[in-house]
Amino acid sequence: WQRREPSVGPVCRICPSGSVCLTANLTQPTQPEGHYLLQTGVVWTAYKCIPAQKCIATEDPTAARCAEHFDGEFLACSRCAPGYHLLKKTCEKCGEPRGLLLGVAFIVVVIVVIGTYYTCNS
């Protein structure tokens, strides 16, 4: 692939292992499914995603890199996006915390009943 350097013009770079550079004169490598490309300066590094479905194939690795609901801000799409949690190999939307609210409400009712019992019997 090529990168245009301001002082010297186009400079050829080696295609990083784990990426795809099939077309001549690319300005950046493309990201195949199962890999995450990260650019540091002019150097691209490919990381393997586990499981592979987390990282999507894309011609623009600076844009969308991760499967739906995975967070591209973290290396190799290793975390779910805010509001999602990891369930097996996919990110699922977080539900309402009904169980927690019902549990707290139950404990409060039990404390009130016990408190009322002791207040009335003393």
PDB file of N, CA and C in Angstrom:
ATOM      1  N   TRP A   1       0.836  -1.173   0.000  1.00  0.00           N
ATOM      2  CA  TRP A   1       0.000   0.000   0.000  1.00  0.00           C
ATOM      3  C   TRP A   1       0.878   1.232   0.000  1.00  0.00           C
ATOM      4  N   GLN A   2       0.323   2.368  -0.354  1.00  0.00           N
ATOM      5  CA  GLN A   2       1.110   3.602  -0.439  1.00  0.00           C
ATOM      6  C   GLN A   2       0.639   4.610   0.595  1.00  0.00           C
ATOM      7  N   ARG A   3       1.558   5.417   1.006  1.00  0.00           N
ATOM      8  CA  ARG A   3       1.227   6.554   1.858  1.00  0.00           C
ATOM      9  C   ARG A   3       1.917   7.757   1.253  1.00  0.00           C
ATOM     10  N   ARG A   4       1.205   8.849   1.143  1.00  0.00           N
ATOM     11  CA  ARG A   4       1.778  10.064   0.584  1.00  0.00           C
ATOM     12  C   ARG A   4       2.473  10.836   1.695  1.00  0.00           C
ATOM     13  N   GLU A   5       3.787  10.940   1.572  1.00  0.00           N
ATOM     14  CA  GLU A   5       4.586  11.706   2.520  1.00  0.00           C
ATOM     15  C   GLU A   5       4.753  13.119   1.955  1.00  0.00           C
ATOM     16  N   PRO A   6       4.509  14.156   2.756  1.00  0.00           N
ATOM     17  CA  PRO A   6       4.554  15.525   2.250  1.00  0.00           C
ATOM     18  C   PRO A   6       5.878  15.902   1.570  1.00  0.00           C
ATOM     19  N   SER A   7       6.985  15.422   2.096  1.00  0.00           N
ATOM     20  CA  SER A   7       8.274  15.864   1.560  1.00  0.00           C
ATOM     21  C   SER A   7       8.760  15.031   0.367  1.00  0.00           C
ATOM     22  N   VAL A   8       8.323  13.759   0.253  1.00  0.00           N
ATOM     23  CA  VAL A   8       8.865  12.913  -0.803  1.00  0.00           C
ATOM     24  C   VAL A   8       7.817  12.335  -1.749  1.00  0.00           C
ATOM     25  N   GLY A   9       6.535  12.502  -1.468  1.00  0.00           N
ATOM     26  CA  GLY A   9       5.495  11.944  -2.323  1.00  0.00           C
ATOM     27  C   GLY A   9       5.112  10.547  -1.881  1.00  0.00           C
ATOM     28  N   PRO A  10       4.591   9.722  -2.813  1.00  0.00           N
ATOM     29  CA  PRO A  10       4.140   8.377  -2.426  1.00  0.00           C
ATOM     30  C   PRO A  10       5.293   7.491  -1.948  1.00  0.00           C
ATOM     31  N   VAL A  11       5.073   6.809  -0.863  1.00  0.00           N
ATOM     32  CA  VAL A  11       6.046   5.878  -0.301  1.00  0.00           C
ATOM     33  C   VAL A  11       5.338   4.542  -0.114  1.00  0.00           C
ATOM     34  N   CYS A  12       5.929   3.483  -0.632  1.00  0.00           N
ATOM     35  CA  CYS A  12       5.329   2.156  -0.477  1.00  0.00           C
ATOM     36  C   CYS A  12       5.627   1.603   0.908  1.00  0.00           C
ATOM     37  N   ARG A  13       4.612   0.974   1.499  1.00  0.00           N
ATOM     38  CA  ARG A  13       4.743   0.354   2.822  1.00  0.00           C
ATOM     39  C   ARG A  13       4.409  -1.127   2.693  1.00  0.00           C
ATOM     40  N   ILE A  14       4.943  -1.929   3.577  1.00  0.00           N
ATOM     41  CA  ILE A  14       4.649  -3.360   3.598  1.00  0.00           C
ATOM     42  C   ILE A  14       3.262  -3.566   4.183  1.00  0.00           C
ATOM     43  N   CYS A  15       2.498  -4.449   3.549  1.00  0.00           N
ATOM     44  CA  CYS A  15       1.160  -4.780   4.038  1.00  0.00           C
ATOM     45  C   CYS A  15       1.304  -5.564   5.346  1.00  0.00           C
ATOM     46  N   PRO A  16       0.648  -5.102   6.431  1.00  0.00           N
ATOM     47  CA  PRO A  16       0.790  -5.809   7.703  1.00  0.00           C
ATOM     48  C   PRO A  16       0.238  -7.235   7.636  1.00  0.00           C
ATOM     49  N   SER A  17       0.878  -8.141   8.308  1.00  0.00           N
ATOM     50  CA  SER A  17       0.405  -9.514   8.399  1.00  0.00           C
ATOM     51  C   SER A  17      -0.988  -9.498   9.020  1.00  0.00           C
ATOM     52  N   GLY A  18      -1.920 -10.223   8.422  1.00  0.00           N
ATOM     53  CA  GLY A  18      -3.294 -10.242   8.919  1.00  0.00           C
ATOM     54  C   GLY A  18      -4.183  -9.210   8.281  1.00  0.00           C
ATOM     55  N   SER A  19      -3.659  -8.420   7.333  1.00  0.00           N
ATOM     56  CA  SER A  19      -4.485  -7.454   6.608  1.00  0.00           C
ATOM     57  C   SER A  19      -4.486  -7.819   5.135  1.00  0.00           C
ATOM     58  N   VAL A  20      -5.224  -7.054   4.336  1.00  0.00           N
ATOM     59  CA  VAL A  20      -5.356  -7.335   2.909  1.00  0.00           C
ATOM     60  C   VAL A  20      -4.926  -6.105   2.118  1.00  0.00           C
ATOM     61  N   CYS A  21      -4.034  -6.301   1.168  1.00  0.00           N
ATOM     62  CA  CYS A  21      -3.565  -5.221   0.298  1.00  0.00           C
ATOM     63  C   CYS A  21      -3.542  -5.740  -1.141  1.00  0.00           C
ATOM     64  N   LEU A  22      -4.691  -6.030  -1.686  1.00  0.00           N
ATOM     65  CA  LEU A  22      -4.757  -6.614  -3.019  1.00  0.00           C
ATOM     66  C   LEU A  22      -4.716  -5.575  -4.131  1.00  0.00           C
ATOM     67  N   THR A  23      -5.252  -4.404  -3.896  1.00  0.00           N
ATOM     68  CA  THR A  23      -5.335  -3.370  -4.921  1.00  0.00           C
ATOM     69  C   THR A  23      -4.088  -2.505  -4.891  1.00  0.00           C
ATOM     70  N   ALA A  24      -3.545  -2.232  -6.054  1.00  0.00           N
ATOM     71  CA  ALA A  24      -2.361  -1.365  -6.137  1.00  0.00           C
ATOM     72  C   ALA A  24      -2.723   0.057  -5.733  1.00  0.00           C
ATOM     73  N   ASN A  25      -1.771   0.747  -5.163  1.00  0.00           N
ATOM     74  CA  ASN A  25      -1.893   2.160  -4.795  1.00  0.00           C
ATOM     75  C   ASN A  25      -2.939   2.432  -3.720  1.00  0.00           C
ATOM     76  N   LEU A  26      -3.188   1.472  -2.850  1.00  0.00           N
ATOM     77  CA  LEU A  26      -4.076   1.732  -1.715  1.00  0.00           C
ATOM     78  C   LEU A  26      -3.437   2.789  -0.814  1.00  0.00           C
ATOM     79  N   THR A  27      -4.252   3.616  -0.189  1.00  0.00           N
ATOM     80  CA  THR A  27      -3.701   4.586   0.759  1.00  0.00           C
ATOM     81  C   THR A  27      -3.648   4.011   2.167  1.00  0.00           C
ATOM     82  N   GLN A  28      -4.288   2.862   2.375  1.00  0.00           N
ATOM     83  CA  GLN A  28      -4.224   2.163   3.652  1.00  0.00           C
ATOM     84  C   GLN A  28      -4.626   0.710   3.414  1.00  0.00           C
ATOM     85  N   PRO A  29      -4.190  -0.207   4.263  1.00  0.00           N
ATOM     86  CA  PRO A  29      -4.590  -1.605   4.095  1.00  0.00           C
ATOM     87  C   PRO A  29      -6.066  -1.788   4.437  1.00  0.00           C
ATOM     88  N   THR A  30      -6.665  -2.865   3.975  1.00  0.00           N
ATOM     89  CA  THR A  30      -8.047  -3.167   4.346  1.00  0.00           C
ATOM     90  C   THR A  30      -8.042  -4.211   5.454  1.00  0.00           C
ATOM     91  N   GLN A  31      -9.096  -4.195   6.256  1.00  0.00           N
ATOM     92  CA  GLN A  31      -9.186  -5.085   7.410  1.00  0.00           C
ATOM     93  C   GLN A  31     -10.063  -6.287   7.076  1.00  0.00           C
ATOM     94  N   PRO A  32      -9.506  -7.504   7.096  1.00  0.00           N
ATOM     95  CA  PRO A  32     -10.329  -8.688   6.855  1.00  0.00           C
ATOM     96  C   PRO A  32     -11.108  -9.065   8.115  1.00  0.00           C
ATOM     97  N   GLU A  33     -12.173  -9.839   7.946  1.00  0.00           N
ATOM     98  CA  GLU A  33     -12.937 -10.298   9.098  1.00  0.00           C
ATOM     99  C   GLU A  33     -12.024 -11.083  10.038  1.00  0.00           C
ATOM    100  N   GLY A  34     -12.208 -10.864  11.314  1.00  0.00           N
ATOM    101  CA  GLY A  34     -11.423 -11.577  12.308  1.00  0.00           C
ATOM    102  C   GLY A  34     -10.145 -10.883  12.704  1.00  0.00           C
ATOM    103  N   HIS A  35      -9.881  -9.707  12.124  1.00  0.00           N
ATOM    104  CA  HIS A  35      -8.681  -8.946  12.475  1.00  0.00           C
ATOM    105  C   HIS A  35      -9.054  -7.501  12.775  1.00  0.00           C
ATOM    106  N   TYR A  36      -8.218  -6.845  13.566  1.00  0.00           N
ATOM    107  CA  TYR A  36      -8.402  -5.459  13.973  1.00  0.00           C
ATOM    108  C   TYR A  36      -7.124  -4.723  13.607  1.00  0.00           C
ATOM    109  N   LEU A  37      -7.231  -3.720  12.739  1.00  0.00           N
ATOM    110  CA  LEU A  37      -6.047  -2.956  12.338  1.00  0.00           C
ATOM    111  C   LEU A  37      -5.959  -1.679  13.161  1.00  0.00           C
ATOM    112  N   LEU A  38      -4.778  -1.419  13.648  1.00  0.00           N
ATOM    113  CA  LEU A  38      -4.532  -0.228  14.447  1.00  0.00           C
ATOM    114  C   LEU A  38      -3.358   0.526  13.850  1.00  0.00           C
ATOM    115  N   GLN A  39      -3.547   1.821  13.645  1.00  0.00           N
ATOM    116  CA  GLN A  39      -2.489   2.648  13.061  1.00  0.00           C
ATOM    117  C   GLN A  39      -1.796   3.443  14.157  1.00  0.00           C
ATOM    118  N   THR A  40      -0.471   3.360  14.174  1.00  0.00           N
ATOM    119  CA  THR A  40       0.357   4.164  15.061  1.00  0.00           C
ATOM    120  C   THR A  40       1.340   4.910  14.171  1.00  0.00           C
ATOM    121  N   GLY A  41       1.121   6.200  14.008  1.00  0.00           N
ATOM    122  CA  GLY A  41       1.938   6.968  13.065  1.00  0.00           C
ATOM    123  C   GLY A  41       1.656   6.489  11.655  1.00  0.00           C
ATOM    124  N   VAL A  42       2.680   5.995  10.960  1.00  0.00           N
ATOM    125  CA  VAL A  42       2.494   5.466   9.603  1.00  0.00           C
ATOM    126  C   VAL A  42       2.460   3.942   9.582  1.00  0.00           C
ATOM    127  N   VAL A  43       2.583   3.320  10.737  1.00  0.00           N
ATOM    128  CA  VAL A  43       2.650   1.861  10.823  1.00  0.00           C
ATOM    129  C   VAL A  43       1.285   1.289  11.199  1.00  0.00           C
ATOM    130  N   TRP A  44       0.847   0.274  10.445  1.00  0.00           N
ATOM    131  CA  TRP A  44      -0.386  -0.453  10.750  1.00  0.00           C
ATOM    132  C   TRP A  44      -0.022  -1.789  11.376  1.00  0.00           C
ATOM    133  N   THR A  45      -0.721  -2.154  12.446  1.00  0.00           N
ATOM    134  CA  THR A  45      -0.527  -3.448  13.095  1.00  0.00           C
ATOM    135  C   THR A  45      -1.857  -4.178  13.091  1.00  0.00           C
ATOM    136  N   ALA A  46      -1.826  -5.475  12.754  1.00  0.00           N
ATOM    137  CA  ALA A  46      -3.045  -6.293  12.744  1.00  0.00           C
ATOM    138  C   ALA A  46      -3.087  -7.161  13.997  1.00  0.00           C
ATOM    139  N   TYR A  47      -4.229  -7.153  14.665  1.00  0.00           N
ATOM    140  CA  TYR A  47      -4.463  -7.988  15.839  1.00  0.00           C
ATOM    141  C   TYR A  47      -5.564  -8.984  15.506  1.00  0.00           C
ATOM    142  N   LYS A  48      -5.421 -10.207  15.967  1.00  0.00           N
ATOM    143  CA  LYS A  48      -6.427 -11.230  15.732  1.00  0.00           C
ATOM    144  C   LYS A  48      -7.540 -11.080  16.764  1.00  0.00           C
ATOM    145  N   CYS A  49      -8.781 -11.117  16.309  1.00  0.00           N
ATOM    146  CA  CYS A  49      -9.933 -11.001  17.201  1.00  0.00           C
ATOM    147  C   CYS A  49     -10.426 -12.385  17.602  1.00  0.00           C
ATOM    148  N   ILE A  50     -10.714 -12.545  18.879  1.00  0.00           N
ATOM    149  CA  ILE A  50     -11.229 -13.819  19.369  1.00  0.00           C
ATOM    150  C   ILE A  50     -12.504 -13.524  20.154  1.00  0.00           C
ATOM    151  N   PRO A  51     -13.651 -14.028  19.706  1.00  0.00           N
ATOM    152  CA  PRO A  51     -13.867 -14.780  18.480  1.00  0.00           C
ATOM    153  C   PRO A  51     -13.799 -13.864  17.257  1.00  0.00           C
ATOM    154  N   ALA A  52     -13.556 -14.456  16.125  1.00  0.00           N
ATOM    155  CA  ALA A  52     -13.343 -13.694  14.889  1.00  0.00           C
ATOM    156  C   ALA A  52     -14.538 -12.828  14.497  1.00  0.00           C
ATOM    157  N   GLN A  53     -15.750 -13.222  14.877  1.00  0.00           N
ATOM    158  CA  GLN A  53     -16.950 -12.481  14.484  1.00  0.00           C
ATOM    159  C   GLN A  53     -17.011 -11.075  15.088  1.00  0.00           C
ATOM    160  N   LYS A  54     -16.184 -10.794  16.090  1.00  0.00           N
ATOM    161  CA  LYS A  54     -16.202  -9.469  16.713  1.00  0.00           C
ATOM    162  C   LYS A  54     -15.701  -8.389  15.768  1.00  0.00           C
ATOM    163  N   CYS A  55     -14.788  -8.739  14.858  1.00  0.00           N
ATOM    164  CA  CYS A  55     -14.174  -7.758  13.966  1.00  0.00           C
ATOM    165  C   CYS A  55     -14.645  -7.993  12.540  1.00  0.00           C
ATOM    166  N   ILE A  56     -15.188  -6.958  11.924  1.00  0.00           N
ATOM    167  CA  ILE A  56     -15.756  -7.087  10.586  1.00  0.00           C
ATOM    168  C   ILE A  56     -14.733  -6.729   9.514  1.00  0.00           C
ATOM    169  N   ALA A  57     -14.968  -7.224   8.318  1.00  0.00           N
ATOM    170  CA  ALA A  57     -14.134  -6.845   7.175  1.00  0.00           C
ATOM    171  C   ALA A  57     -14.535  -5.434   6.757  1.00  0.00           C
ATOM    172  N   THR A  58     -13.546  -4.585   6.494  1.00  0.00           N
ATOM    173  CA  THR A  58     -13.837  -3.220   6.073  1.00  0.00           C
ATOM    174  C   THR A  58     -12.693  -2.682   5.232  1.00  0.00           C
ATOM    175  N   GLU A  59     -13.041  -1.854   4.259  1.00  0.00           N
ATOM    176  CA  GLU A  59     -12.016  -1.209   3.446  1.00  0.00           C
ATOM    177  C   GLU A  59     -11.445   0.013   4.146  1.00  0.00           C
ATOM    178  N   ASP A  60     -12.125   0.498   5.178  1.00  0.00           N
ATOM    179  CA  ASP A  60     -11.656   1.661   5.923  1.00  0.00           C
ATOM    180  C   ASP A  60     -11.486   1.295   7.396  1.00  0.00           C
ATOM    181  N   PRO A  61     -10.302   0.801   7.783  1.00  0.00           N
ATOM    182  CA  PRO A  61     -10.099   0.388   9.168  1.00  0.00           C
ATOM    183  C   PRO A  61     -10.067   1.541  10.163  1.00  0.00           C
ATOM    184  N   THR A  62     -10.132   2.784   9.682  1.00  0.00           N
ATOM    185  CA  THR A  62     -10.193   3.907  10.605  1.00  0.00           C
ATOM    186  C   THR A  62     -11.629   4.204  11.009  1.00  0.00           C
ATOM    187  N   ALA A  63     -12.586   3.594  10.310  1.00  0.00           N
ATOM    188  CA  ALA A  63     -14.004   3.810  10.626  1.00  0.00           C
ATOM    189  C   ALA A  63     -14.536   2.601  11.392  1.00  0.00           C
ATOM    190  N   ALA A  64     -15.595   1.994  10.911  1.00  0.00           N
ATOM    191  CA  ALA A  64     -16.200   0.846  11.588  1.00  0.00           C
ATOM    192  C   ALA A  64     -15.267  -0.352  11.505  1.00  0.00           C
ATOM    193  N   ARG A  65     -14.934  -0.914  12.646  1.00  0.00           N
ATOM    194  CA  ARG A  65     -14.045  -2.079  12.690  1.00  0.00           C
ATOM    195  C   ARG A  65     -14.699  -3.264  13.365  1.00  0.00           C
ATOM    196  N   CYS A  66     -15.695  -2.990  14.198  1.00  0.00           N
ATOM    197  CA  CYS A  66     -16.252  -4.030  15.053  1.00  0.00           C
ATOM    198  C   CYS A  66     -17.657  -4.414  14.622  1.00  0.00           C
ATOM    199  N   ALA A  67     -18.024  -5.651  14.980  1.00  0.00           N
ATOM    200  CA  ALA A  67     -19.384  -6.112  14.731  1.00  0.00           C
ATOM    201  C   ALA A  67     -20.346  -5.264  15.560  1.00  0.00           C
ATOM    202  N   GLU A  68     -21.610  -5.366  15.221  1.00  0.00           N
ATOM    203  CA  GLU A  68     -22.634  -4.563  15.883  1.00  0.00           C
ATOM    204  C   GLU A  68     -22.596  -4.741  17.397  1.00  0.00           C
ATOM    205  N   HIS A  69     -22.641  -3.621  18.107  1.00  0.00           N
ATOM    206  CA  HIS A  69     -22.694  -3.525  19.564  1.00  0.00           C
ATOM    207  C   HIS A  69     -21.364  -3.800  20.261  1.00  0.00           C
ATOM    208  N   PHE A  70     -20.271  -4.047  19.502  1.00  0.00           N
ATOM    209  CA  PHE A  70     -18.948  -4.115  20.111  1.00  0.00           C
ATOM    210  C   PHE A  70     -18.331  -2.727  20.018  1.00  0.00           C
ATOM    211  N   ASP A  71     -17.492  -2.366  20.966  1.00  0.00           N
ATOM    212  CA  ASP A  71     -16.917  -1.028  21.054  1.00  0.00           C
ATOM    213  C   ASP A  71     -15.577  -0.964  20.332  1.00  0.00           C
ATOM    214  N   GLY A  72     -15.503  -0.132  19.304  1.00  0.00           N
ATOM    215  CA  GLY A  72     -14.290   0.024  18.520  1.00  0.00           C
ATOM    216  C   GLY A  72     -13.216   0.840  19.194  1.00  0.00           C
ATOM    217  N   GLU A  73     -13.515   1.442  20.335  1.00  0.00           N
ATOM    218  CA  GLU A  73     -12.519   2.223  21.053  1.00  0.00           C
ATOM    219  C   GLU A  73     -11.529   1.333  21.792  1.00  0.00           C
ATOM    220  N   PHE A  74     -11.883   0.066  21.940  1.00  0.00           N
ATOM    221  CA  PHE A  74     -11.013  -0.855  22.661  1.00  0.00           C
ATOM    222  C   PHE A  74     -10.368  -1.823  21.690  1.00  0.00           C
ATOM    223  N   LEU A  75      -9.118  -2.145  21.915  1.00  0.00           N
ATOM    224  CA  LEU A  75      -8.340  -2.991  21.031  1.00  0.00           C
ATOM    225  C   LEU A  75      -9.031  -4.311  20.736  1.00  0.00           C
ATOM    226  N   ALA A  76      -9.079  -4.656  19.465  1.00  0.00           N
ATOM    227  CA  ALA A  76      -9.648  -5.910  18.973  1.00  0.00           C
ATOM    228  C   ALA A  76     -11.096  -6.089  19.392  1.00  0.00           C
ATOM    229  N   CYS A  77     -11.818  -4.961  19.480  1.00  0.00           N
ATOM    230  CA  CYS A  77     -13.259  -5.005  19.799  1.00  0.00           C
ATOM    231  C   CYS A  77     -13.510  -5.828  21.058  1.00  0.00           C
ATOM    232  N   SER A  78     -12.676  -5.639  22.062  1.00  0.00           N
ATOM    233  CA  SER A  78     -12.691  -6.506  23.240  1.00  0.00           C
ATOM    234  C   SER A  78     -13.808  -6.211  24.234  1.00  0.00           C
ATOM    235  N   ARG A  79     -14.515  -5.107  24.080  1.00  0.00           N
ATOM    236  CA  ARG A  79     -15.599  -4.774  25.011  1.00  0.00           C
ATOM    237  C   ARG A  79     -16.881  -4.490  24.249  1.00  0.00           C
ATOM    238  N   CYS A  80     -17.978  -4.638  24.948  1.00  0.00           N
ATOM    239  CA  CYS A  80     -19.274  -4.273  24.378  1.00  0.00           C
ATOM    240  C   CYS A  80     -19.450  -2.763  24.483  1.00  0.00           C
ATOM    241  N   ALA A  81     -20.266  -2.228  23.597  1.00  0.00           N
ATOM    242  CA  ALA A  81     -20.586  -0.802  23.626  1.00  0.00           C
ATOM    243  C   ALA A  81     -21.377  -0.493  24.896  1.00  0.00           C
ATOM    244  N   PRO A  82     -21.387   0.778  25.328  1.00  0.00           N
ATOM    245  CA  PRO A  82     -22.171   1.143  26.515  1.00  0.00           C
ATOM    246  C   PRO A  82     -23.635   0.736  26.339  1.00  0.00           C
ATOM    247  N   GLY A  83     -24.219   0.175  27.396  1.00  0.00           N
ATOM    248  CA  GLY A  83     -25.605  -0.273  27.346  1.00  0.00           C
ATOM    249  C   GLY A  83     -25.755  -1.714  26.899  1.00  0.00           C
ATOM    250  N   TYR A  84     -24.626  -2.400  26.660  1.00  0.00           N
ATOM    251  CA  TYR A  84     -24.643  -3.801  26.221  1.00  0.00           C
ATOM    252  C   TYR A  84     -23.717  -4.613  27.115  1.00  0.00           C
ATOM    253  N   HIS A  85     -23.992  -5.911  27.225  1.00  0.00           N
ATOM    254  CA  HIS A  85     -23.142  -6.814  28.000  1.00  0.00           C
ATOM    255  C   HIS A  85     -22.833  -8.047  27.160  1.00  0.00           C
ATOM    256  N   LEU A  86     -21.708  -8.682  27.462  1.00  0.00           N
ATOM    257  CA  LEU A  86     -21.272  -9.848  26.712  1.00  0.00           C
ATOM    258  C   LEU A  86     -22.038 -11.081  27.175  1.00  0.00           C
ATOM    259  N   LEU A  87     -22.664 -11.759  26.238  1.00  0.00           N
ATOM    260  CA  LEU A  87     -23.377 -12.999  26.512  1.00  0.00           C
ATOM    261  C   LEU A  87     -22.928 -14.005  25.471  1.00  0.00           C
ATOM    262  N   LYS A  88     -22.152 -14.982  25.914  1.00  0.00           N
ATOM    263  CA  LYS A  88     -21.504 -15.947  25.031  1.00  0.00           C
ATOM    264  C   LYS A  88     -20.583 -15.188  24.090  1.00  0.00           C
ATOM    265  N   LYS A  89     -20.876 -15.100  22.792  1.00  0.00           N
ATOM    266  CA  LYS A  89     -19.961 -14.437  21.853  1.00  0.00           C
ATOM    267  C   LYS A  89     -20.544 -13.171  21.252  1.00  0.00           C
ATOM    268  N   THR A  90     -21.671 -12.673  21.776  1.00  0.00           N
ATOM    269  CA  THR A  90     -22.289 -11.461  21.236  1.00  0.00           C
ATOM    270  C   THR A  90     -22.565 -10.473  22.357  1.00  0.00           C
ATOM    271  N   CYS A  91     -22.772  -9.242  21.973  1.00  0.00           N
ATOM    272  CA  CYS A  91     -23.145  -8.207  22.932  1.00  0.00           C
ATOM    273  C   CYS A  91     -24.662  -8.046  22.892  1.00  0.00           C
ATOM    274  N   GLU A  92     -25.291  -8.212  24.033  1.00  0.00           N
ATOM    275  CA  GLU A  92     -26.739  -8.115  24.150  1.00  0.00           C
ATOM    276  C   GLU A  92     -27.095  -6.844  24.915  1.00  0.00           C
ATOM    277  N   LYS A  93     -28.219  -6.242  24.556  1.00  0.00           N
ATOM    278  CA  LYS A  93     -28.674  -5.023  25.213  1.00  0.00           C
ATOM    279  C   LYS A  93     -28.979  -5.305  26.677  1.00  0.00           C
ATOM    280  N   CYS A  94     -28.544  -4.402  27.531  1.00  0.00           N
ATOM    281  CA  CYS A  94     -28.823  -4.547  28.956  1.00  0.00           C
ATOM    282  C   CYS A  94     -30.313  -4.341  29.200  1.00  0.00           C
ATOM    283  N   GLY A  95     -30.893  -5.172  30.044  1.00  0.00           N
ATOM    284  CA  GLY A  95     -32.307  -5.051  30.376  1.00  0.00           C
ATOM    285  C   GLY A  95     -32.509  -4.119  31.547  1.00  0.00           C
ATOM    286  N   GLU A  96     -33.758  -3.911  31.868  1.00  0.00           N
ATOM    287  CA  GLU A  96     -34.098  -3.100  33.028  1.00  0.00           C
ATOM    288  C   GLU A  96     -33.706  -3.879  34.289  1.00  0.00           C
ATOM    289  N   PRO A  97     -33.237  -3.210  35.315  1.00  0.00           N
ATOM    290  CA  PRO A  97     -32.829  -3.907  36.536  1.00  0.00           C
ATOM    291  C   PRO A  97     -34.027  -4.265  37.414  1.00  0.00           C
ATOM    292  N   ARG A  98     -35.045  -4.927  36.846  1.00  0.00           N
ATOM    293  CA  ARG A  98     -36.263  -5.259  37.592  1.00  0.00           C
ATOM    294  C   ARG A  98     -35.975  -6.171  38.772  1.00  0.00           C
ATOM    295  N   GLY A  99     -35.133  -7.168  38.567  1.00  0.00           N
ATOM    296  CA  GLY A  99     -34.829  -8.105  39.645  1.00  0.00           C
ATOM    297  C   GLY A  99     -34.231  -7.401  40.849  1.00  0.00           C
ATOM    298  N   LEU A 100     -33.336  -6.468  40.606  1.00  0.00           N
ATOM    299  CA  LEU A 100     -32.708  -5.724  41.693  1.00  0.00           C
ATOM    300  C   LEU A 100     -33.743  -4.864  42.421  1.00  0.00           C
ATOM    301  N   LEU A 101     -34.583  -4.171  41.662  1.00  0.00           N
ATOM    302  CA  LEU A 101     -35.600  -3.311  42.280  1.00  0.00           C
ATOM    303  C   LEU A 101     -36.596  -4.134  43.089  1.00  0.00           C
ATOM    304  N   LEU A 102     -37.010  -5.276  42.576  1.00  0.00           N
ATOM    305  CA  LEU A 102     -37.940  -6.126  43.314  1.00  0.00           C
ATOM    306  C   LEU A 102     -37.294  -6.666  44.585  1.00  0.00           C
ATOM    307  N   GLY A 103     -36.016  -7.026  44.495  1.00  0.00           N
ATOM    308  CA  GLY A 103     -35.303  -7.516  45.674  1.00  0.00           C
ATOM    309  C   GLY A 103     -35.210  -6.460  46.759  1.00  0.00           C
ATOM    310  N   VAL A 104     -34.860  -5.240  46.379  1.00  0.00           N
ATOM    311  CA  VAL A 104     -34.755  -4.147  47.352  1.00  0.00           C
ATOM    312  C   VAL A 104     -36.132  -3.850  47.952  1.00  0.00           C
ATOM    313  N   ALA A 105     -37.163  -3.819  47.106  1.00  0.00           N
ATOM    314  CA  ALA A 105     -38.518  -3.559  47.603  1.00  0.00           C
ATOM    315  C   ALA A 105     -38.949  -4.641  48.589  1.00  0.00           C
ATOM    316  N   PHE A 106     -38.643  -5.887  48.305  1.00  0.00           N
ATOM    317  CA  PHE A 106     -38.994  -6.990  49.201  1.00  0.00           C
ATOM    318  C   PHE A 106     -38.305  -6.832  50.558  1.00  0.00           C
ATOM    319  N   ILE A 107     -37.029  -6.507  50.552  1.00  0.00           N
ATOM    320  CA  ILE A 107     -36.282  -6.331  51.796  1.00  0.00           C
ATOM    321  C   ILE A 107     -36.854  -5.179  52.613  1.00  0.00           C
ATOM    322  N   VAL A 108     -37.212  -4.080  51.951  1.00  0.00           N
ATOM    323  CA  VAL A 108     -37.797  -2.929  52.655  1.00  0.00           C
ATOM    324  C   VAL A 108     -39.125  -3.326  53.298  1.00  0.00           C
ATOM    325  N   VAL A 109     -39.957  -4.080  52.574  1.00  0.00           N
ATOM    326  CA  VAL A 109     -41.252  -4.510  53.124  1.00  0.00           C
ATOM    327  C   VAL A 109     -41.032  -5.412  54.332  1.00  0.00           C
ATOM    328  N   VAL A 110     -40.097  -6.338  54.246  1.00  0.00           N
ATOM    329  CA  VAL A 110     -39.813  -7.228  55.373  1.00  0.00           C
ATOM    330  C   VAL A 110     -39.350  -6.424  56.585  1.00  0.00           C
ATOM    331  N   ILE A 111     -38.483  -5.455  56.407  1.00  0.00           N
ATOM    332  CA  ILE A 111     -37.993  -4.625  57.519  1.00  0.00           C
ATOM    333  C   ILE A 111     -39.141  -3.833  58.138  1.00  0.00           C
ATOM    334  N   VAL A 112     -40.023  -3.281  57.316  1.00  0.00           N
ATOM    335  CA  VAL A 112     -41.168  -2.512  57.821  1.00  0.00           C
ATOM    336  C   VAL A 112     -42.106  -3.415  58.623  1.00  0.00           C
ATOM    337  N   VAL A 113     -42.376  -4.627  58.102  1.00  0.00           N
ATOM    338  CA  VAL A 113     -43.265  -5.562  58.809  1.00  0.00           C
ATOM    339  C   VAL A 113     -42.650  -5.964  60.144  1.00  0.00           C
ATOM    340  N   ILE A 114     -41.369  -6.293  60.165  1.00  0.00           N
ATOM    341  CA  ILE A 114     -40.705  -6.674  61.418  1.00  0.00           C
ATOM    342  C   ILE A 114     -40.684  -5.499  62.390  1.00  0.00           C
ATOM    343  N   GLY A 115     -40.381  -4.319  61.895  1.00  0.00           N
ATOM    344  CA  GLY A 115     -40.374  -3.133  62.742  1.00  0.00           C
ATOM    345  C   GLY A 115     -41.736  -2.837  63.331  1.00  0.00           C
ATOM    346  N   THR A 116     -42.777  -2.985  62.517  1.00  0.00           N
ATOM    347  CA  THR A 116     -44.158  -2.756  62.991  1.00  0.00           C
ATOM    348  C   THR A 116     -44.526  -3.793  64.041  1.00  0.00           C
ATOM    349  N   TYR A 117     -44.154  -5.033  63.832  1.00  0.00           N
ATOM    350  CA  TYR A 117     -44.460  -6.118  64.778  1.00  0.00           C
ATOM    351  C   TYR A 117     -43.830  -5.820  66.139  1.00  0.00           C
ATOM    352  N   TYR A 118     -42.551  -5.470  66.143  1.00  0.00           N
ATOM    353  CA  TYR A 118     -41.860  -5.197  67.401  1.00  0.00           C
ATOM    354  C   TYR A 118     -42.388  -3.930  68.062  1.00  0.00           C
ATOM    355  N   THR A 119     -42.782  -2.939  67.278  1.00  0.00           N
ATOM    356  CA  THR A 119     -43.309  -1.690  67.845  1.00  0.00           C
ATOM    357  C   THR A 119     -44.659  -1.965  68.500  1.00  0.00           C
ATOM    358  N   CYS A 120     -45.504  -2.744  67.875  1.00  0.00           N
ATOM    359  CA  CYS A 120     -46.848  -3.034  68.409  1.00  0.00           C
ATOM    360  C   CYS A 120     -46.799  -3.983  69.602  1.00  0.00           C
ATOM    361  N   ASN A 121     -45.810  -4.835  69.689  1.00  0.00           N
ATOM    362  CA  ASN A 121     -45.721  -5.822  70.766  1.00  0.00           C
ATOM    363  C   ASN A 121     -44.796  -5.403  71.898  1.00  0.00           C
ATOM    364  N   SER A 122     -44.381  -4.186  71.932  1.00  0.00           N
ATOM    365  CA  SER A 122     -43.501  -3.787  73.022  1.00  0.00           C
ATOM    366  C   SER A 122     -44.187  -2.849  73.983  1.00  0.00           C
TER     367      SER A 122
END
